[in-house]
PDB file of N, CA and C in Angstrom:
ATOM      1  N   UNK A   1     -43.921  12.824  75.008  1.00  0.00           N
ATOM      2  CA  UNK A   1     -44.495  14.146  74.898  1.00  0.00           C
ATOM      3  C   UNK A   1     -44.838  14.431  73.441  1.00  0.00           C
ATOM      4  N   UNK A   2     -46.077  14.804  73.168  1.00  0.00           N
ATOM      5  CA  UNK A   2     -46.473  15.114  71.802  1.00  0.00           C
ATOM      6  C   UNK A   2     -46.059  16.536  71.451  1.00  0.00           C
ATOM      7  N   UNK A   3     -45.811  16.732  70.175  1.00  0.00           N
ATOM      8  CA  UNK A   3     -45.431  18.069  69.720  1.00  0.00           C
ATOM      9  C   UNK A   3     -46.670  18.942  69.664  1.00  0.00           C
ATOM     10  N   UNK A   4     -46.600  20.068  70.329  1.00  0.00           N
ATOM     11  CA  UNK A   4     -47.676  21.058  70.293  1.00  0.00           C
ATOM     12  C   UNK A   4     -47.058  22.436  70.229  1.00  0.00           C
ATOM     13  N   UNK A   5     -47.757  23.360  69.577  1.00  0.00           N
ATOM     14  CA  UNK A   5     -47.303  24.744  69.532  1.00  0.00           C
ATOM     15  C   UNK A   5     -47.462  25.336  70.923  1.00  0.00           C
ATOM     16  N   UNK A   6     -46.429  26.026  71.386  1.00  0.00           N
ATOM     17  CA  UNK A   6     -46.451  26.582  72.733  1.00  0.00           C
ATOM     18  C   UNK A   6     -47.423  27.775  72.836  1.00  0.00           C
ATOM     19  N   UNK A   7     -47.676  28.472  71.733  1.00  0.00           N
ATOM     20  CA  UNK A   7     -48.560  29.635  71.776  1.00  0.00           C
ATOM     21  C   UNK A   7     -50.001  29.297  71.412  1.00  0.00           C
ATOM     22  N   UNK A   8     -50.202  28.585  70.318  1.00  0.00           N
ATOM     23  CA  UNK A   8     -51.563  28.331  69.843  1.00  0.00           C
ATOM     24  C   UNK A   8     -52.139  27.022  70.341  1.00  0.00           C
ATOM     25  N   UNK A   9     -51.274  26.094  70.790  1.00  0.00           N
ATOM     26  CA  UNK A   9     -51.746  24.802  71.254  1.00  0.00           C
ATOM     27  C   UNK A   9     -52.085  23.832  70.137  1.00  0.00           C
ATOM     28  N   UNK A  10     -51.725  24.184  68.892  1.00  0.00           N
ATOM     29  CA  UNK A  10     -52.012  23.307  67.763  1.00  0.00           C
ATOM     30  C   UNK A  10     -51.226  22.010  67.898  1.00  0.00           C
ATOM     31  N   UNK A  11     -51.874  20.906  67.571  1.00  0.00           N
ATOM     32  CA  UNK A  11     -51.235  19.599  67.602  1.00  0.00           C
ATOM     33  C   UNK A  11     -51.844  18.730  66.524  1.00  0.00           C
ATOM     34  N   UNK A  12     -51.410  17.477  66.421  1.00  0.00           N
ATOM     35  CA  UNK A  12     -51.956  16.587  65.410  1.00  0.00           C
ATOM     36  C   UNK A  12     -53.439  16.311  65.639  1.00  0.00           C
ATOM     37  N   UNK A  13     -54.183  16.199  64.533  1.00  0.00           N
ATOM     38  CA  UNK A  13     -55.600  15.856  64.593  1.00  0.00           C
ATOM     39  C   UNK A  13     -55.834  14.649  63.700  1.00  0.00           C
ATOM     40  N   UNK A  14     -56.783  13.824  64.064  1.00  0.00           N
ATOM     41  CA  UNK A  14     -57.078  12.649  63.250  1.00  0.00           C
ATOM     42  C   UNK A  14     -58.261  12.941  62.343  1.00  0.00           C
ATOM     43  N   UNK A  15     -58.312  12.185  61.254  1.00  0.00           N
ATOM     44  CA  UNK A  15     -59.405  12.344  60.301  1.00  0.00           C
ATOM     45  C   UNK A  15     -59.396  11.191  59.320  1.00  0.00           C
ATOM     46  N   UNK A  16     -60.026  11.385  58.181  1.00  0.00           N
ATOM     47  CA  UNK A  16     -60.132  10.338  57.176  1.00  0.00           C
ATOM     48  C   UNK A  16     -59.658  10.822  55.823  1.00  0.00           C
ATOM     49  N   UNK A  17     -58.964   9.935  55.068  1.00  0.00           N
ATOM     50  CA  UNK A  17     -58.795  10.107  53.636  1.00  0.00           C
ATOM     51  C   UNK A  17     -60.070   9.569  53.009  1.00  0.00           C
ATOM     52  N   UNK A  18     -60.690  10.319  52.125  1.00  0.00           N
ATOM     53  CA  UNK A  18     -61.919   9.870  51.488  1.00  0.00           C
ATOM     54  C   UNK A  18     -61.665   9.777  49.990  1.00  0.00           C
ATOM     55  N   UNK A  19     -61.794   8.572  49.447  1.00  0.00           N
ATOM     56  CA  UNK A  19     -61.557   8.364  48.027  1.00  0.00           C
ATOM     57  C   UNK A  19     -62.788   8.773  47.227  1.00  0.00           C
ATOM     58  N   UNK A  20     -62.650   8.723  45.905  1.00  0.00           N
ATOM     59  CA  UNK A  20     -63.765   9.068  45.027  1.00  0.00           C
ATOM     60  C   UNK A  20     -64.930   8.099  45.252  1.00  0.00           C
ATOM     61  N   UNK A  21     -64.616   6.848  45.625  1.00  0.00           N
ATOM     62  CA  UNK A  21     -65.648   5.845  45.877  1.00  0.00           C
ATOM     63  C   UNK A  21     -66.160   5.905  47.320  1.00  0.00           C
ATOM     64  N   UNK A  22     -65.786   6.959  48.044  1.00  0.00           N
ATOM     65  CA  UNK A  22     -66.216   7.193  49.424  1.00  0.00           C
ATOM     66  C   UNK A  22     -65.640   6.178  50.419  1.00  0.00           C
ATOM     67  N   UNK A  23     -64.510   5.526  50.067  1.00  0.00           N
ATOM     68  CA  UNK A  23     -63.825   4.666  51.036  1.00  0.00           C
ATOM     69  C   UNK A  23     -63.079   5.559  52.008  1.00  0.00           C
ATOM     70  N   UNK A  24     -63.135   5.174  53.288  1.00  0.00           N
ATOM     71  CA  UNK A  24     -62.497   6.011  54.306  1.00  0.00           C
ATOM     72  C   UNK A  24     -61.344   5.263  54.960  1.00  0.00           C
ATOM     73  N   UNK A  25     -60.188   5.936  55.058  1.00  0.00           N
ATOM     74  CA  UNK A  25     -59.006   5.407  55.747  1.00  0.00           C
ATOM     75  C   UNK A  25     -58.537   6.446  56.747  1.00  0.00           C
ATOM     76  N   UNK A  26     -58.162   5.979  57.942  1.00  0.00           N
ATOM     77  CA  UNK A  26     -57.690   6.906  58.974  1.00  0.00           C
ATOM     78  C   UNK A  26     -56.392   7.574  58.557  1.00  0.00           C
ATOM     79  N   UNK A  27     -56.218   8.843  58.926  1.00  0.00           N
ATOM     80  CA  UNK A  27     -54.990   9.575  58.672  1.00  0.00           C
ATOM     81  C   UNK A  27     -54.814  10.636  59.738  1.00  0.00           C
ATOM     82  N   UNK A  28     -53.626  11.261  59.742  1.00  0.00           N
ATOM     83  CA  UNK A  28     -53.325  12.337  60.688  1.00  0.00           C
ATOM     84  C   UNK A  28     -53.097  13.632  59.934  1.00  0.00           C
ATOM     85  N   UNK A  29     -53.648  14.729  60.453  1.00  0.00           N
ATOM     86  CA  UNK A  29     -53.368  16.068  59.950  1.00  0.00           C
ATOM     87  C   UNK A  29     -52.368  16.689  60.913  1.00  0.00           C
ATOM     88  N   UNK A  30     -51.154  16.928  60.442  1.00  0.00           N
ATOM     89  CA  UNK A  30     -50.103  17.446  61.309  1.00  0.00           C
ATOM     90  C   UNK A  30     -49.870  18.928  61.028  1.00  0.00           C
ATOM     91  N   UNK A  31     -49.805  19.767  62.065  1.00  0.00           N
ATOM     92  CA  UNK A  31     -49.540  21.192  61.851  1.00  0.00           C
ATOM     93  C   UNK A  31     -48.089  21.425  61.458  1.00  0.00           C
ATOM     94  N   UNK A  32     -47.827  22.548  60.819  1.00  0.00           N
ATOM     95  CA  UNK A  32     -46.474  22.899  60.399  1.00  0.00           C
ATOM     96  C   UNK A  32     -45.754  23.510  61.597  1.00  0.00           C
ATOM     97  N   UNK A  33     -45.035  22.669  62.348  1.00  0.00           N
ATOM     98  CA  UNK A  33     -44.322  23.116  63.548  1.00  0.00           C
ATOM     99  C   UNK A  33     -42.830  23.227  63.247  1.00  0.00           C
ATOM    100  N   UNK A  34     -42.218  24.262  63.758  1.00  0.00           N
ATOM    101  CA  UNK A  34     -40.789  24.499  63.593  1.00  0.00           C
ATOM    102  C   UNK A  34     -40.173  24.642  64.979  1.00  0.00           C
ATOM    103  N   UNK A  35     -38.941  24.172  65.143  1.00  0.00           N
ATOM    104  CA  UNK A  35     -38.246  24.343  66.413  1.00  0.00           C
ATOM    105  C   UNK A  35     -37.423  25.617  66.305  1.00  0.00           C
ATOM    106  N   UNK A  36     -37.783  26.642  67.068  1.00  0.00           N
ATOM    107  CA  UNK A  36     -37.151  27.956  66.981  1.00  0.00           C
ATOM    108  C   UNK A  36     -36.762  28.454  68.360  1.00  0.00           C
ATOM    109  N   UNK A  37     -35.806  29.377  68.375  1.00  0.00           N
ATOM    110  CA  UNK A  37     -35.452  30.068  69.606  1.00  0.00           C
ATOM    111  C   UNK A  37     -36.320  31.308  69.708  1.00  0.00           C
ATOM    112  N   UNK A  38     -37.043  31.412  70.810  1.00  0.00           N
ATOM    113  CA  UNK A  38     -37.978  32.518  71.019  1.00  0.00           C
ATOM    114  C   UNK A  38     -37.688  33.141  72.375  1.00  0.00           C
ATOM    115  N   UNK A  39     -37.785  34.462  72.454  1.00  0.00           N
ATOM    116  CA  UNK A  39     -37.575  35.180  73.704  1.00  0.00           C
ATOM    117  C   UNK A  39     -38.820  35.051  74.581  1.00  0.00           C
ATOM    118  N   UNK A  40     -38.677  34.350  75.720  1.00  0.00           N
ATOM    119  CA  UNK A  40     -39.779  34.180  76.672  1.00  0.00           C
ATOM    120  C   UNK A  40     -39.291  34.632  78.038  1.00  0.00           C
ATOM    121  N   UNK A  41     -39.958  35.635  78.588  1.00  0.00           N
ATOM    122  CA  UNK A  41     -39.597  36.202  79.895  1.00  0.00           C
ATOM    123  C   UNK A  41     -38.131  36.643  79.940  1.00  0.00           C
ATOM    124  N   UNK A  42     -37.659  37.246  78.867  1.00  0.00           N
ATOM    125  CA  UNK A  42     -36.298  37.764  78.821  1.00  0.00           C
ATOM    126  C   UNK A  42     -35.223  36.725  78.568  1.00  0.00           C
ATOM    127  N   UNK A  43     -35.605  35.464  78.292  1.00  0.00           N
ATOM    128  CA  UNK A  43     -34.637  34.405  78.033  1.00  0.00           C
ATOM    129  C   UNK A  43     -34.937  33.763  76.676  1.00  0.00           C
ATOM    130  N   UNK A  44     -33.869  33.377  75.968  1.00  0.00           N
ATOM    131  CA  UNK A  44     -34.045  32.637  74.725  1.00  0.00           C
ATOM    132  C   UNK A  44     -34.293  31.174  75.060  1.00  0.00           C
ATOM    133  N   UNK A  45     -35.392  30.628  74.529  1.00  0.00           N
ATOM    134  CA  UNK A  45     -35.723  29.230  74.749  1.00  0.00           C
ATOM    135  C   UNK A  45     -36.049  28.587  73.416  1.00  0.00           C
ATOM    136  N   UNK A  46     -35.635  27.322  73.246  1.00  0.00           N
ATOM    137  CA  UNK A  46     -35.980  26.576  72.043  1.00  0.00           C
ATOM    138  C   UNK A  46     -37.344  25.933  72.261  1.00  0.00           C
ATOM    139  N   UNK A  47     -38.290  26.240  71.385  1.00  0.00           N
ATOM    140  CA  UNK A  47     -39.646  25.721  71.533  1.00  0.00           C
ATOM    141  C   UNK A  47     -40.184  25.302  70.171  1.00  0.00           C
ATOM    142  N   UNK A  48     -41.197  24.422  70.196  1.00  0.00           N
ATOM    143  CA  UNK A  48     -41.940  24.094  68.991  1.00  0.00           C
ATOM    144  C   UNK A  48     -43.006  25.165  68.819  1.00  0.00           C
ATOM    145  N   UNK A  49     -43.036  25.780  67.635  1.00  0.00           N
ATOM    146  CA  UNK A  49     -43.982  26.866  67.383  1.00  0.00           C
ATOM    147  C   UNK A  49     -44.516  26.732  65.961  1.00  0.00           C
ATOM    148  N   UNK A  50     -45.798  26.984  65.788  1.00  0.00           N
ATOM    149  CA  UNK A  50     -46.408  26.872  64.465  1.00  0.00           C
ATOM    150  C   UNK A  50     -46.004  28.071  63.610  1.00  0.00           C
ATOM    151  N   UNK A  51     -46.025  27.872  62.315  1.00  0.00           N
ATOM    152  CA  UNK A  51     -45.620  28.952  61.407  1.00  0.00           C
ATOM    153  C   UNK A  51     -46.595  30.126  61.493  1.00  0.00           C
ATOM    154  N   UNK A  52     -47.845  29.857  61.770  1.00  0.00           N
ATOM    155  CA  UNK A  52     -48.823  30.934  61.920  1.00  0.00           C
ATOM    156  C   UNK A  52     -48.477  31.798  63.139  1.00  0.00           C
ATOM    157  N   UNK A  53     -48.090  31.151  64.240  1.00  0.00           N
ATOM    158  CA  UNK A  53     -47.707  31.882  65.448  1.00  0.00           C
ATOM    159  C   UNK A  53     -46.420  32.672  65.216  1.00  0.00           C
ATOM    160  N   UNK A  54     -45.485  32.114  64.421  1.00  0.00           N
ATOM    161  CA  UNK A  54     -44.252  32.835  64.086  1.00  0.00           C
ATOM    162  C   UNK A  54     -44.565  34.121  63.329  1.00  0.00           C
ATOM    163  N   UNK A  55     -45.474  34.040  62.377  1.00  0.00           N
ATOM    164  CA  UNK A  55     -45.865  35.229  61.606  1.00  0.00           C
ATOM    165  C   UNK A  55     -46.484  36.282  62.515  1.00  0.00           C
ATOM    166  N   UNK A  56     -47.299  35.834  63.474  1.00  0.00           N
ATOM    167  CA  UNK A  56     -47.932  36.767  64.404  1.00  0.00           C
ATOM    168  C   UNK A  56     -46.880  37.443  65.288  1.00  0.00           C
ATOM    169  N   UNK A  57     -45.899  36.658  65.763  1.00  0.00           N
ATOM    170  CA  UNK A  57     -44.818  37.241  66.581  1.00  0.00           C
ATOM    171  C   UNK A  57     -44.030  38.268  65.781  1.00  0.00           C
ATOM    172  N   UNK A  58     -43.698  37.948  64.532  1.00  0.00           N
ATOM    173  CA  UNK A  58     -42.944  38.885  63.691  1.00  0.00           C
ATOM    174  C   UNK A  58     -43.728  40.173  63.489  1.00  0.00           C
ATOM    175  N   UNK A  59     -45.028  40.060  63.311  1.00  0.00           N
ATOM    176  CA  UNK A  59     -45.858  41.235  63.079  1.00  0.00           C
ATOM    177  C   UNK A  59     -45.928  42.125  64.330  1.00  0.00           C
ATOM    178  N   UNK A  60     -46.057  41.498  65.497  1.00  0.00           N
ATOM    179  CA  UNK A  60     -46.199  42.261  66.740  1.00  0.00           C
ATOM    180  C   UNK A  60     -44.874  42.888  67.179  1.00  0.00           C
ATOM    181  N   UNK A  61     -43.765  42.187  66.953  1.00  0.00           N
ATOM    182  CA  UNK A  61     -42.478  42.679  67.423  1.00  0.00           C
ATOM    183  C   UNK A  61     -41.807  43.616  66.427  1.00  0.00           C
ATOM    184  N   UNK A  62     -42.329  43.675  65.206  1.00  0.00           N
ATOM    185  CA  UNK A  62     -41.784  44.591  64.213  1.00  0.00           C
ATOM    186  C   UNK A  62     -40.593  44.089  63.619  1.00  0.00           C
TER     187      UNK A  62
END
C-alpha cells in the first residue's frame, strides 16, 4: 500500500533532476506526510495526512 493523504489524495510523483548541463535523472517528489490521530466519524483513527491538510483541519476546527 502506497502512502497517500487521506484527505487530499497527495502521493509520490515522479520527475527529473535537471543539471546545469541539462542532464536528466529520474527522481521522486514525496509529499510531507505525517501519521496523526484524527477524529473521523466520532472515532480517533491513525491516518497518513499531509501537513497542508493538517493546517486546514486546524483552521476549520478552531
